PDB file of all heavy atoms in Angstrom:
ATOM      1  N   THR A   1       6.260  -4.320  -6.987  1.00  0.00           N
ATOM      2  CA  THR A   1       7.350  -4.803  -6.139  1.00  0.00           C
ATOM      3  C   THR A   1       7.895  -3.620  -5.346  1.00  0.00           C
ATOM      4  O   THR A   1       8.310  -2.621  -5.930  1.00  0.00           O
ATOM      5  CB  THR A   1       8.483  -5.427  -6.972  1.00  0.00           C
ATOM      6  OG1 THR A   1       7.989  -6.602  -7.648  1.00  0.00           O
ATOM      7  CG2 THR A   1       9.655  -5.839  -6.079  1.00  0.00           C
ATOM      8  N   PHE A   2       7.850  -3.718  -4.019  1.00  0.00           N
ATOM      9  CA  PHE A   2       8.424  -2.677  -3.165  1.00  0.00           C
ATOM     10  C   PHE A   2       8.544  -3.209  -1.743  1.00  0.00           C
ATOM     11  O   PHE A   2       7.966  -4.241  -1.394  1.00  0.00           O
ATOM     12  CB  PHE A   2       7.587  -1.390  -3.182  1.00  0.00           C
ATOM     13  CG  PHE A   2       6.165  -1.537  -2.719  1.00  0.00           C
ATOM     14  CD1 PHE A   2       5.841  -1.543  -1.366  1.00  0.00           C
ATOM     15  CD2 PHE A   2       5.120  -1.643  -3.642  1.00  0.00           C
ATOM     16  CE1 PHE A   2       4.529  -1.671  -0.930  1.00  0.00           C
ATOM     17  CE2 PHE A   2       3.804  -1.765  -3.216  1.00  0.00           C
ATOM     18  CZ  PHE A   2       3.508  -1.772  -1.862  1.00  0.00           C
ATOM     19  N   ARG A   3       9.307  -2.485  -0.917  1.00  0.00           N
ATOM     20  CA  ARG A   3       9.426  -2.769   0.509  1.00  0.00           C
ATOM     21  C   ARG A   3       9.045  -1.526   1.300  1.00  0.00           C
ATOM     22  O   ARG A   3       9.346  -0.412   0.877  1.00  0.00           O
ATOM     23  CB  ARG A   3      10.857  -3.170   0.870  1.00  0.00           C
ATOM     24  CG  ARG A   3      11.295  -4.529   0.372  1.00  0.00           C
ATOM     25  CD  ARG A   3      12.700  -4.831   0.858  1.00  0.00           C
ATOM     26  NE  ARG A   3      13.128  -6.170   0.455  1.00  0.00           N
ATOM     27  CZ  ARG A   3      14.287  -6.710   0.780  1.00  0.00           C
ATOM     28  NH1 ARG A   3      15.140  -6.013   1.540  1.00  0.00           N
ATOM     29  NH2 ARG A   3      14.600  -7.921   0.384  1.00  0.00           N
ATOM     30  N   VAL A   4       8.418  -1.745   2.432  1.00  0.00           N
ATOM     31  CA  VAL A   4       8.126  -0.664   3.370  1.00  0.00           C
ATOM     32  C   VAL A   4       8.943  -0.951   4.622  1.00  0.00           C
ATOM     33  O   VAL A   4       8.703  -1.936   5.317  1.00  0.00           O
ATOM     34  CB  VAL A   4       6.625  -0.586   3.707  1.00  0.00           C
ATOM     35  CG1 VAL A   4       6.355   0.624   4.586  1.00  0.00           C
ATOM     36  CG2 VAL A   4       5.788  -0.517   2.433  1.00  0.00           C
ATOM     37  N   ARG A   5       9.921  -0.102   4.870  1.00  0.00           N
ATOM     38  CA  ARG A   5      10.895  -0.365   5.928  1.00  0.00           C
ATOM     39  C   ARG A   5      10.467   0.234   7.274  1.00  0.00           C
ATOM     40  O   ARG A   5       9.771   1.244   7.310  1.00  0.00           O
ATOM     41  CB  ARG A   5      12.260   0.200   5.527  1.00  0.00           C
ATOM     42  CG  ARG A   5      12.885  -0.511   4.340  1.00  0.00           C
ATOM     43  CD  ARG A   5      14.207   0.129   3.960  1.00  0.00           C
ATOM     44  NE  ARG A   5      14.002   1.467   3.396  1.00  0.00           N
ATOM     45  CZ  ARG A   5      14.793   2.510   3.640  1.00  0.00           C
ATOM     46  NH1 ARG A   5      15.825   2.398   4.459  1.00  0.00           N
ATOM     47  NH2 ARG A   5      14.552   3.672   3.075  1.00  0.00           N
ATOM     48  N   PRO A   6      10.922  -0.369   8.364  1.00  0.00           N
ATOM     49  CA  PRO A   6      10.620   0.179   9.694  1.00  0.00           C
ATOM     50  C   PRO A   6      11.393   1.465   9.944  1.00  0.00           C
ATOM     51  O   PRO A   6      12.420   1.737   9.308  1.00  0.00           O
ATOM     52  CB  PRO A   6      11.078  -0.928  10.644  1.00  0.00           C
ATOM     53  CG  PRO A   6      12.086  -1.714   9.871  1.00  0.00           C
ATOM     54  CD  PRO A   6      11.662  -1.638   8.438  1.00  0.00           C
ATOM     55  N   GLY A   7      10.875   2.263  10.886  1.00  0.00           N
ATOM     56  CA  GLY A   7      11.556   3.483  11.293  1.00  0.00           C
ATOM     57  C   GLY A   7      11.262   4.688  10.429  1.00  0.00           C
ATOM     58  O   GLY A   7      11.821   5.765  10.664  1.00  0.00           O
ATOM     59  N   LEU A   8      10.382   4.541   9.445  1.00  0.00           N
ATOM     60  CA  LEU A   8      10.020   5.628   8.537  1.00  0.00           C
ATOM     61  C   LEU A   8       8.504   5.713   8.416  1.00  0.00           C
ATOM     62  O   LEU A   8       7.804   4.715   8.577  1.00  0.00           O
ATOM     63  CB  LEU A   8      10.593   5.401   7.130  1.00  0.00           C
ATOM     64  CG  LEU A   8      12.097   5.241   6.975  1.00  0.00           C
ATOM     65  CD1 LEU A   8      12.418   4.830   5.539  1.00  0.00           C
ATOM     66  CD2 LEU A   8      12.812   6.534   7.323  1.00  0.00           C
ATOM     67  N   VAL A   9       8.000   6.909   8.115  1.00  0.00           N
ATOM     68  CA  VAL A   9       6.618   7.036   7.650  1.00  0.00           C
ATOM     69  C   VAL A   9       6.668   6.975   6.131  1.00  0.00           C
ATOM     70  O   VAL A   9       7.247   7.848   5.484  1.00  0.00           O
ATOM     71  CB  VAL A   9       5.979   8.359   8.106  1.00  0.00           C
ATOM     72  CG1 VAL A   9       4.565   8.476   7.534  1.00  0.00           C
ATOM     73  CG2 VAL A   9       5.944   8.459   9.623  1.00  0.00           C
ATOM     74  N   THR A  10       6.108   5.924   5.570  1.00  0.00           N
ATOM     75  CA  THR A  10       6.089   5.750   4.118  1.00  0.00           C
ATOM     76  C   THR A  10       4.714   6.132   3.598  1.00  0.00           C
ATOM     77  O   THR A  10       3.713   5.516   3.964  1.00  0.00           O
ATOM     78  CB  THR A  10       6.422   4.307   3.725  1.00  0.00           C
ATOM     79  OG1 THR A  10       7.739   3.981   4.201  1.00  0.00           O
ATOM     80  CG2 THR A  10       6.385   4.139   2.214  1.00  0.00           C
ATOM     81  N   GLY A  11       4.669   7.154   2.751  1.00  0.00           N
ATOM     82  CA  GLY A  11       3.425   7.576   2.132  1.00  0.00           C
ATOM     83  C   GLY A  11       3.130   6.735   0.905  1.00  0.00           C
ATOM     84  O   GLY A  11       4.024   6.470   0.093  1.00  0.00           O
ATOM     85  N   PHE A  12       1.886   6.308   0.774  1.00  0.00           N
ATOM     86  CA  PHE A  12       1.436   5.490  -0.358  1.00  0.00           C
ATOM     87  C   PHE A  12       0.470   6.355  -1.152  1.00  0.00           C
ATOM     88  O   PHE A  12      -0.677   6.537  -0.769  1.00  0.00           O
ATOM     89  CB  PHE A  12       0.760   4.233   0.172  1.00  0.00           C
ATOM     90  CG  PHE A  12       0.493   3.174  -0.858  1.00  0.00           C
ATOM     91  CD1 PHE A  12       1.333   2.974  -1.926  1.00  0.00           C
ATOM     92  CD2 PHE A  12      -0.609   2.339  -0.721  1.00  0.00           C
ATOM     93  CE1 PHE A  12       1.093   1.970  -2.853  1.00  0.00           C
ATOM     94  CE2 PHE A  12      -0.868   1.340  -1.630  1.00  0.00           C
ATOM     95  CZ  PHE A  12      -0.010   1.150  -2.703  1.00  0.00           C
ATOM     96  N   LEU A  13       0.964   6.914  -2.246  1.00  0.00           N
ATOM     97  CA  LEU A  13       0.238   7.957  -2.962  1.00  0.00           C
ATOM     98  C   LEU A  13      -0.266   7.509  -4.320  1.00  0.00           C
ATOM     99  O   LEU A  13       0.328   6.650  -4.970  1.00  0.00           O
ATOM    100  CB  LEU A  13       1.154   9.178  -3.157  1.00  0.00           C
ATOM    101  CG  LEU A  13       1.414  10.028  -1.921  1.00  0.00           C
ATOM    102  CD1 LEU A  13       2.613  10.926  -2.159  1.00  0.00           C
ATOM    103  CD2 LEU A  13       0.194  10.858  -1.599  1.00  0.00           C
ATOM    104  N   GLY A  14      -1.330   8.159  -4.745  1.00  0.00           N
ATOM    105  CA  GLY A  14      -1.876   7.927  -6.069  1.00  0.00           C
ATOM    106  C   GLY A  14      -3.257   8.528  -6.151  1.00  0.00           C
ATOM    107  O   GLY A  14      -3.924   8.712  -5.117  1.00  0.00           O
ATOM    108  N   PRO A  15      -3.723   8.847  -7.348  1.00  0.00           N
ATOM    109  CA  PRO A  15      -5.081   9.383  -7.488  1.00  0.00           C
ATOM    110  C   PRO A  15      -6.114   8.357  -7.041  1.00  0.00           C
ATOM    111  O   PRO A  15      -5.819   7.168  -6.917  1.00  0.00           O
ATOM    112  CB  PRO A  15      -5.208   9.651  -9.004  1.00  0.00           C
ATOM    113  CG  PRO A  15      -3.836   9.525  -9.556  1.00  0.00           C
ATOM    114  CD  PRO A  15      -3.045   8.680  -8.638  1.00  0.00           C
ATOM    115  N   ASN A  16      -7.324   8.799  -6.786  1.00  0.00           N
ATOM    116  CA  ASN A  16      -8.406   7.864  -6.493  1.00  0.00           C
ATOM    117  C   ASN A  16      -8.520   6.855  -7.632  1.00  0.00           C
ATOM    118  O   ASN A  16      -8.505   7.220  -8.807  1.00  0.00           O
ATOM    119  CB  ASN A  16      -9.730   8.615  -6.332  1.00  0.00           C
ATOM    120  CG  ASN A  16      -9.774   9.435  -5.050  1.00  0.00           C
ATOM    121  OD1 ASN A  16      -9.171   9.070  -4.052  1.00  0.00           O
ATOM    122  ND2 ASN A  16     -10.490  10.549  -5.077  1.00  0.00           N
ATOM    123  N   GLY A  17      -8.617   5.577  -7.284  1.00  0.00           N
ATOM    124  CA  GLY A  17      -8.711   4.533  -8.297  1.00  0.00           C
ATOM    125  C   GLY A  17      -7.373   4.000  -8.772  1.00  0.00           C
ATOM    126  O   GLY A  17      -7.328   3.158  -9.675  1.00  0.00           O
ATOM    127  N   ALA A  18      -6.285   4.444  -8.145  1.00  0.00           N
ATOM    128  CA  ALA A  18      -4.953   4.014  -8.599  1.00  0.00           C
ATOM    129  C   ALA A  18      -4.604   2.604  -8.128  1.00  0.00           C
ATOM    130  O   ALA A  18      -3.636   2.018  -8.619  1.00  0.00           O
ATOM    131  CB  ALA A  18      -3.892   4.997  -8.102  1.00  0.00           C
ATOM    132  N   GLY A  19      -5.351   2.052  -7.171  1.00  0.00           N
ATOM    133  CA  GLY A  19      -5.078   0.708  -6.682  1.00  0.00           C
ATOM    134  C   GLY A  19      -4.517   0.649  -5.276  1.00  0.00           C
ATOM    135  O   GLY A  19      -4.094  -0.419  -4.817  1.00  0.00           O
ATOM    136  N   LYS A  20      -4.542   1.764  -4.556  1.00  0.00           N
ATOM    137  CA  LYS A  20      -3.938   1.793  -3.218  1.00  0.00           C
ATOM    138  C   LYS A  20      -4.685   0.889  -2.240  1.00  0.00           C
ATOM    139  O   LYS A  20      -4.074   0.084  -1.540  1.00  0.00           O
ATOM    140  CB  LYS A  20      -3.907   3.234  -2.692  1.00  0.00           C
ATOM    141  CG  LYS A  20      -3.169   4.222  -3.569  1.00  0.00           C
ATOM    142  CD  LYS A  20      -3.058   5.592  -2.932  1.00  0.00           C
ATOM    143  CE  LYS A  20      -4.396   6.231  -2.599  1.00  0.00           C
ATOM    144  NZ  LYS A  20      -5.238   6.470  -3.803  1.00  0.00           N
ATOM    145  N   THR A  21      -6.002   1.041  -2.168  1.00  0.00           N
ATOM    146  CA  THR A  21      -6.772   0.241  -1.215  1.00  0.00           C
ATOM    147  C   THR A  21      -6.700  -1.236  -1.564  1.00  0.00           C
ATOM    148  O   THR A  21      -6.579  -2.092  -0.671  1.00  0.00           O
ATOM    149  CB  THR A  21      -8.234   0.718  -1.173  1.00  0.00           C
ATOM    150  OG1 THR A  21      -8.274   2.073  -0.722  1.00  0.00           O
ATOM    151  CG2 THR A  21      -9.065  -0.149  -0.227  1.00  0.00           C
ATOM    152  N   THR A  22      -6.758  -1.568  -2.840  1.00  0.00           N
ATOM    153  CA  THR A  22      -6.625  -2.973  -3.250  1.00  0.00           C
ATOM    154  C   THR A  22      -5.293  -3.539  -2.787  1.00  0.00           C
ATOM    155  O   THR A  22      -5.217  -4.661  -2.278  1.00  0.00           O
ATOM    156  CB  THR A  22      -6.747  -3.105  -4.776  1.00  0.00           C
ATOM    157  OG1 THR A  22      -8.045  -2.681  -5.190  1.00  0.00           O
ATOM    158  CG2 THR A  22      -6.541  -4.545  -5.220  1.00  0.00           C
ATOM    159  N   THR A  23      -4.229  -2.762  -2.928  1.00  0.00           N
ATOM    160  CA  THR A  23      -2.908  -3.218  -2.491  1.00  0.00           C
ATOM    161  C   THR A  23      -2.890  -3.470  -0.989  1.00  0.00           C
ATOM    162  O   THR A  23      -2.363  -4.494  -0.520  1.00  0.00           O
ATOM    163  CB  THR A  23      -1.833  -2.192  -2.862  1.00  0.00           C
ATOM    164  OG1 THR A  23      -1.844  -1.979  -4.283  1.00  0.00           O
ATOM    165  CG2 THR A  23      -0.449  -2.672  -2.449  1.00  0.00           C
ATOM    166  N   LEU A  24      -3.465  -2.560  -0.211  1.00  0.00           N
ATOM    167  CA  LEU A  24      -3.515  -2.744   1.239  1.00  0.00           C
ATOM    168  C   LEU A  24      -4.302  -3.999   1.607  1.00  0.00           C
ATOM    169  O   LEU A  24      -3.914  -4.756   2.506  1.00  0.00           O
ATOM    170  CB  LEU A  24      -4.120  -1.520   1.912  1.00  0.00           C
ATOM    171  CG  LEU A  24      -3.336  -0.208   1.784  1.00  0.00           C
ATOM    172  CD1 LEU A  24      -4.081   0.927   2.485  1.00  0.00           C
ATOM    173  CD2 LEU A  24      -1.931  -0.336   2.348  1.00  0.00           C
ATOM    174  N   ARG A  25      -5.396  -4.239   0.917  1.00  0.00           N
ATOM    175  CA  ARG A  25      -6.212  -5.427   1.185  1.00  0.00           C
ATOM    176  C   ARG A  25      -5.458  -6.703   0.825  1.00  0.00           C
ATOM    177  O   ARG A  25      -5.598  -7.727   1.509  1.00  0.00           O
ATOM    178  CB  ARG A  25      -7.538  -5.349   0.426  1.00  0.00           C
ATOM    179  CG  ARG A  25      -8.489  -4.273   0.967  1.00  0.00           C
ATOM    180  CD  ARG A  25      -9.803  -4.263   0.198  1.00  0.00           C
ATOM    181  NE  ARG A  25     -10.517  -5.520   0.343  1.00  0.00           N
ATOM    182  CZ  ARG A  25     -11.319  -5.829   1.347  1.00  0.00           C
ATOM    183  NH1 ARG A  25     -11.502  -4.950   2.343  1.00  0.00           N
ATOM    184  NH2 ARG A  25     -11.929  -7.001   1.401  1.00  0.00           N
ATOM    185  N   LEU A  26      -4.648  -6.652  -0.210  1.00  0.00           N
ATOM    186  CA  LEU A  26      -3.832  -7.808  -0.581  1.00  0.00           C
ATOM    187  C   LEU A  26      -2.761  -8.067   0.471  1.00  0.00           C
ATOM    188  O   LEU A  26      -2.484  -9.219   0.821  1.00  0.00           O
ATOM    189  CB  LEU A  26      -3.188  -7.579  -1.952  1.00  0.00           C
ATOM    190  CG  LEU A  26      -4.140  -7.586  -3.149  1.00  0.00           C
ATOM    191  CD1 LEU A  26      -3.433  -7.041  -4.384  1.00  0.00           C
ATOM    192  CD2 LEU A  26      -4.662  -8.997  -3.419  1.00  0.00           C
ATOM    193  N   ILE A  27      -2.146  -7.018   0.990  1.00  0.00           N
ATOM    194  CA  ILE A  27      -1.129  -7.172   2.034  1.00  0.00           C
ATOM    195  C   ILE A  27      -1.733  -7.833   3.266  1.00  0.00           C
ATOM    196  O   ILE A  27      -1.112  -8.693   3.904  1.00  0.00           O
ATOM    197  CB  ILE A  27      -0.520  -5.810   2.393  1.00  0.00           C
ATOM    198  CG1 ILE A  27       0.320  -5.266   1.212  1.00  0.00           C
ATOM    199  CG2 ILE A  27       0.340  -5.903   3.652  1.00  0.00           C
ATOM    200  CD1 ILE A  27       0.749  -3.818   1.383  1.00  0.00           C
ATOM    201  N   LEU A  28      -2.968  -7.459   3.589  1.00  0.00           N
ATOM    202  CA  LEU A  28      -3.631  -7.963   4.793  1.00  0.00           C
ATOM    203  C   LEU A  28      -4.387  -9.270   4.570  1.00  0.00           C
ATOM    204  O   LEU A  28      -5.041  -9.779   5.486  1.00  0.00           O
ATOM    205  CB  LEU A  28      -4.594  -6.909   5.332  1.00  0.00           C
ATOM    206  CG  LEU A  28      -3.932  -5.638   5.871  1.00  0.00           C
ATOM    207  CD1 LEU A  28      -4.958  -4.543   6.078  1.00  0.00           C
ATOM    208  CD2 LEU A  28      -3.178  -5.928   7.169  1.00  0.00           C
ATOM    209  N   GLY A  29      -4.309  -9.817   3.364  1.00  0.00           N
ATOM    210  CA  GLY A  29      -4.954 -11.089   3.082  1.00  0.00           C
ATOM    211  C   GLY A  29      -6.454 -11.017   2.937  1.00  0.00           C
ATOM    212  O   GLY A  29      -7.142 -12.047   2.971  1.00  0.00           O
ATOM    213  N   LEU A  30      -6.993  -9.811   2.766  1.00  0.00           N
ATOM    214  CA  LEU A  30      -8.439  -9.655   2.599  1.00  0.00           C
ATOM    215  C   LEU A  30      -8.873  -9.919   1.166  1.00  0.00           C
ATOM    216  O   LEU A  30     -10.049 -10.203   0.910  1.00  0.00           O
ATOM    217  CB  LEU A  30      -8.862  -8.247   3.026  1.00  0.00           C
ATOM    218  CG  LEU A  30      -8.580  -7.912   4.487  1.00  0.00           C
ATOM    219  CD1 LEU A  30      -8.879  -6.447   4.765  1.00  0.00           C
ATOM    220  CD2 LEU A  30      -9.380  -8.813   5.413  1.00  0.00           C
ATOM    221  N   ASN A  31      -7.962  -9.815   0.231  1.00  0.00           N
ATOM    222  CA  ASN A  31      -8.162 -10.235  -1.155  1.00  0.00           C
ATOM    223  C   ASN A  31      -7.031 -11.198  -1.509  1.00  0.00           C
ATOM    224  O   ASN A  31      -5.933 -11.136  -0.934  1.00  0.00           O
ATOM    225  CB  ASN A  31      -8.139  -9.055  -2.127  1.00  0.00           C
ATOM    226  CG  ASN A  31      -9.368  -8.164  -2.003  1.00  0.00           C
ATOM    227  OD1 ASN A  31      -9.260  -6.968  -1.787  1.00  0.00           O
ATOM    228  ND2 ASN A  31     -10.557  -8.747  -2.135  1.00  0.00           N
TER     229      ASN A  31
END
Protein backbone atom coordinates (compact mmCIF):
# COMPACT_ATOMS: atom_id res chain seq x y z
CA THR A 1 0.00 0.00 0.00
CA PHE A 2 1.50 3.34 -1.07
CA ARG A 3 0.90 6.49 -3.13
CA VAL A 4 3.17 8.12 -5.67
CA ARG A 5 2.40 11.83 -5.68
CA PRO A 6 2.82 14.35 -8.51
CA GLY A 7 5.54 16.98 -8.44
CA LEU A 8 8.21 14.65 -7.02
CA VAL A 9 10.71 12.12 -8.33
CA THR A 10 9.85 9.01 -6.33
CA GLY A 11 12.55 6.35 -6.27
CA PHE A 12 11.37 2.73 -6.14
CA LEU A 13 14.22 0.83 -4.55
CA GLY A 14 15.04 -2.73 -3.66
CA PRO A 15 17.55 -5.47 -4.44
CA ASN A 16 17.17 -7.48 -7.63
CA GLY A 17 14.22 -9.83 -7.14
CA ALA A 18 12.50 -7.62 -4.56
CA GLY A 19 9.33 -7.31 -6.68
CA LYS A 20 9.80 -3.89 -8.26
CA THR A 21 9.18 -4.88 -11.88
CA THR A 22 6.20 -7.05 -10.90
CA THR A 23 4.70 -4.07 -9.08
CA LEU A 24 5.16 -1.82 -12.11
CA ARG A 25 3.53 -4.43 -14.35
CA LEU A 26 0.59 -4.67 -11.95
CA ILE A 27 0.16 -0.87 -11.98
CA LEU A 28 0.11 -0.92 -15.79
CA GLY A 29 -2.32 -3.84 -15.99
CA LEU A 30 0.21 -6.15 -17.64
CA ASN A 31 -0.24 -8.67 -14.82
